[in-house]
Protein backbone atom coordinates (compact mmCIF):
# COMPACT_ATOMS: atom_id res chain seq x y z
CA UNK A 1 0.00 0.00 0.00
CA UNK A 2 1.41 3.37 -0.99
CA UNK A 3 1.60 6.33 1.35
CA UNK A 4 -0.99 8.21 -0.76
CA UNK A 5 -3.45 5.30 -0.57
CA UNK A 6 -2.95 5.04 3.18
CA UNK A 7 -3.64 8.77 3.64
CA UNK A 8 -6.77 8.54 1.50
CA UNK A 9 -8.11 5.55 3.45
CA UNK A 10 -7.28 7.20 6.75
CA UNK A 11 -9.12 10.42 5.77
CA UNK A 12 -12.06 8.36 4.57
CA UNK A 13 -12.25 6.46 7.87
CA UNK A 14 -12.01 9.69 9.87
CA UNK A 15 -14.91 11.21 7.91
CA UNK A 16 -16.91 8.01 8.29
CA UNK A 17 -16.37 8.17 12.06
CA UNK A 18 -17.33 11.86 12.23
CA UNK A 19 -20.44 11.21 10.13
CA UNK A 20 -21.49 8.29 12.28
CA UNK A 21 -21.00 10.30 15.48
CA UNK A 22 -22.98 13.24 14.02
CA UNK A 23 -25.87 10.98 13.00
CA UNK A 24 -26.00 9.33 16.44
CA UNK A 25 -25.89 12.73 18.18
CA UNK A 26 -28.70 14.13 15.97
CA UNK A 27 -30.80 11.03 16.69
CA UNK A 28 -30.23 11.46 20.41
CA UNK A 29 -31.28 15.12 20.29
CA UNK A 30 -34.39 14.47 18.22
CA UNK A 31 -35.57 11.59 20.42
CA UNK A 32 -35.02 13.73 23.49
CA UNK A 33 -36.82 16.74 22.02
CA UNK A 34 -39.85 15.17 20.27
CA UNK A 35 -42.36 16.48 22.80
CA UNK A 36 -40.77 19.94 22.69
CA UNK A 37 -41.07 20.01 18.88
CA UNK A 38 -44.81 19.33 19.09
CA UNK A 39 -45.34 21.96 21.79
CA UNK A 40 -43.29 24.45 19.80
CA UNK A 41 -45.53 23.97 16.75
CA UNK A 42 -48.69 24.32 18.82
CA UNK A 43 -47.44 27.64 20.24
CA UNK A 44 -46.02 29.16 17.03
CA UNK A 45 -49.32 30.50 15.70
CA UNK A 46 -49.43 31.59 12.07
CA UNK A 47 -45.80 30.52 11.52
CA UNK A 48 -46.69 26.89 12.27
CA UNK A 49 -47.23 25.82 8.63
CA UNK A 50 -43.85 27.14 7.49
CA UNK A 51 -42.09 25.79 10.56
CA UNK A 52 -43.82 22.44 10.09
CA UNK A 53 -42.57 22.18 6.52
CA UNK A 54 -39.02 22.90 7.70
CA UNK A 55 -39.26 20.48 10.62
CA UNK A 56 -40.64 17.73 8.38
CA UNK A 57 -37.74 18.27 5.97
CA UNK A 58 -35.17 18.22 8.78
CA UNK A 59 -36.63 15.13 10.44
CA UNK A 60 -36.61 13.28 7.11
CA UNK A 61 -33.35 11.41 7.56
CA UNK A 62 -34.03 10.59 11.22
CA UNK A 63 -36.00 7.57 12.43
CA UNK A 64 -38.57 9.84 14.05
CA UNK A 65 -42.03 9.37 12.58
CA UNK A 66 -43.53 12.65 11.37
CA UNK A 67 -47.04 11.25 10.98
CA UNK A 68 -48.39 12.83 14.19
CA UNK A 69 -47.19 16.26 13.02
CA UNK A 70 -49.09 15.90 9.72
CA UNK A 71 -52.19 14.75 11.63
CA UNK A 72 -51.84 17.76 13.93
CA UNK A 73 -51.73 20.09 10.90
CA UNK A 74 -54.87 18.44 9.53
CA UNK A 75 -56.67 18.96 12.83
CA UNK A 76 -55.43 22.54 13.20
CA UNK A 77 -55.79 23.88 9.65
CA UNK A 78 -58.36 21.50 8.20
CA UNK A 79 -57.79 18.36 6.18
CA UNK A 80 -56.99 20.05 2.85
CA UNK A 81 -54.41 22.52 4.17
CA UNK A 82 -53.01 19.88 6.49
CA UNK A 83 -52.51 17.70 3.42
CA UNK A 84 -50.81 20.55 1.52
CA UNK A 85 -48.48 21.32 4.44
CA UNK A 86 -47.72 17.63 5.02
CA UNK A 87 -47.16 16.83 1.34
CA UNK A 88 -44.83 19.81 0.91
CA UNK A 89 -42.82 18.97 4.02
CA UNK A 90 -42.66 15.25 3.31
CA UNK A 91 -41.63 15.82 -0.31
CA UNK A 92 -38.81 18.09 0.85
CA UNK A 93 -37.88 15.44 3.43
CA UNK A 94 -37.64 12.86 0.66
CA UNK A 95 -35.10 15.06 -1.13
CA UNK A 96 -33.07 15.42 2.07
CA UNK A 97 -33.13 11.62 2.44
CA UNK A 98 -32.13 11.23 -1.22
CA UNK A 99 -29.16 13.55 -0.63
CA UNK A 100 -28.13 11.54 2.44
CA UNK A 101 -28.37 8.32 0.43
CA UNK A 102 -26.19 9.77 -2.32
CA UNK A 103 -23.58 11.03 0.17
CA UNK A 104 -23.53 7.75 2.10
CA UNK A 105 -23.05 5.90 -1.19
CA UNK A 106 -20.01 8.09 -1.90
CA UNK A 107 -18.52 7.68 1.58
CA UNK A 108 -18.94 3.91 1.65
CA UNK A 109 -18.09 3.41 -2.06
CA UNK A 110 -21.46 1.83 -2.80
CA UNK A 111 -20.83 1.21 -6.50
CA UNK A 112 -17.68 -0.77 -5.75
CA UNK A 113 -19.31 -2.70 -2.90
CA UNK A 114 -22.46 -3.39 -4.91
CA UNK A 115 -20.43 -5.54 -7.31
CA UNK A 116 -19.74 -7.94 -4.42
CA UNK A 117 -23.46 -8.50 -3.77
CA UNK A 118 -25.47 -11.37 -5.27
CA UNK A 119 -26.52 -10.86 -8.88
CA UNK A 120 -30.26 -10.51 -8.14
CA UNK A 121 -29.51 -7.59 -5.80
CA UNK A 122 -27.22 -5.95 -8.36
CA UNK A 123 -30.07 -6.09 -10.91
CA UNK A 124 -32.72 -4.76 -8.50
CA UNK A 125 -34.82 -2.09 -10.29
CA UNK A 126 -34.49 0.73 -7.75
CA UNK A 127 -35.51 3.26 -10.41
CA UNK A 128 -38.85 1.54 -11.03
CA UNK A 129 -41.77 3.91 -10.43
CA UNK A 130 -43.69 1.07 -8.81
CA UNK A 131 -40.88 0.59 -6.27
CA UNK A 132 -40.54 4.34 -5.69
CA UNK A 133 -44.27 4.99 -5.16
CA UNK A 134 -45.52 1.85 -3.43
CA UNK A 135 -42.36 1.13 -1.45
CA UNK A 136 -42.87 4.43 0.36
CA UNK A 137 -46.25 3.22 1.56
CA UNK A 138 -44.68 0.53 3.73
CA UNK A 139 -45.57 1.55 7.29
CA UNK A 140 -42.78 2.75 9.53
CA UNK A 141 -39.58 3.60 7.75
CA UNK A 142 -40.51 2.54 4.19
CA UNK A 143 -40.34 6.06 2.79
CA UNK A 144 -37.00 6.80 4.40
CA UNK A 145 -35.39 3.55 3.23
CA UNK A 146 -36.73 3.93 -0.33
CA UNK A 147 -35.36 7.48 -0.52
CA UNK A 148 -31.94 6.41 0.76
CA UNK A 149 -31.82 3.58 -1.78
CA UNK A 150 -32.90 5.96 -4.56
CA UNK A 151 -30.11 8.36 -3.57
CA UNK A 152 -27.52 5.58 -3.51
CA UNK A 153 -28.73 4.34 -6.90
CA UNK A 154 -28.84 7.89 -8.35
CA UNK A 155 -32.42 7.71 -9.62
CA UNK A 156 -33.11 10.50 -12.13
CA UNK A 157 -34.50 13.80 -10.82
CA UNK A 158 -37.74 13.87 -12.85
CA UNK A 159 -38.76 10.35 -11.89
CA UNK A 160 -37.76 10.87 -8.27
CA UNK A 161 -39.65 14.16 -8.09
CA UNK A 162 -42.96 12.94 -9.47
CA UNK A 163 -42.91 9.68 -7.49
CA UNK A 164 -42.08 11.63 -4.31
CA UNK A 165 -44.91 14.04 -4.99
CA UNK A 166 -47.46 11.28 -5.66
CA UNK A 167 -46.59 9.29 -2.55
CA UNK A 168 -46.20 12.48 -0.48
CA UNK A 169 -49.66 13.74 -1.43
CA UNK A 170 -51.28 10.35 -0.88
CA UNK A 171 -49.62 9.84 2.52
CA UNK A 172 -50.34 13.39 3.70
CA UNK A 173 -53.98 13.16 2.59
CA UNK A 174 -54.41 9.89 4.43
CA UNK A 175 -52.86 11.27 7.63
CA UNK A 176 -54.48 14.69 7.52
CA UNK A 177 -58.00 13.41 6.87
CA UNK A 178 -57.64 10.55 9.36
CA UNK A 179 -56.46 13.01 12.03
CA UNK A 180 -59.63 15.03 11.56
CA UNK A 181 -61.83 11.92 11.63
CA UNK A 182 -60.13 10.58 14.76
CA UNK A 183 -60.74 13.94 16.45
CA UNK A 184 -64.44 13.76 15.48
CA UNK A 185 -64.64 10.24 16.87
CA UNK A 186 -63.13 11.34 20.18
CA UNK A 187 -65.44 14.36 20.35
CA UNK A 188 -68.52 12.20 19.78
CA UNK A 189 -67.63 9.61 22.41
CA UNK A 190 -65.74 11.50 25.08
CA UNK A 191 -66.82 15.15 25.04
């Protein structure tokens, strides 16, 4: 191994370590502050929609579920505007996740490592619109994982944009309208 190769590998490992530490620290902070984020949105008045969009985009690459925030926007601003706010924020979040996937692929040399995987995984159609739309509808972290994979696979912008928008609108509509209906159900039975 040459001195230049050693330096490159050392720098790469240092950046991998820094990135891993940063991700763990961000996860720690977001888990610790989830309740404070919700209270902050409830108390921010007319700025809440804009702040919600930013918070949804920032929470995109974290394992924190943003579904309750979208439901809260549906309850607060009505199902249609809750859907618009949620779809906008979640679509931006999908682009943040895509960016993280692309950067992680660079750091960990995904293209080189992919060649070591079994053939059926190498041929996986990650740029398929069916995978990009319906994979995001897997409950839990489906959307986040699909976006990271799309970033690592460098799915084209147009296809990624329209599939993100379709699944973002569908998911936000489902959450926003269900939040309103759940509130009605609680009002009818408990108040």
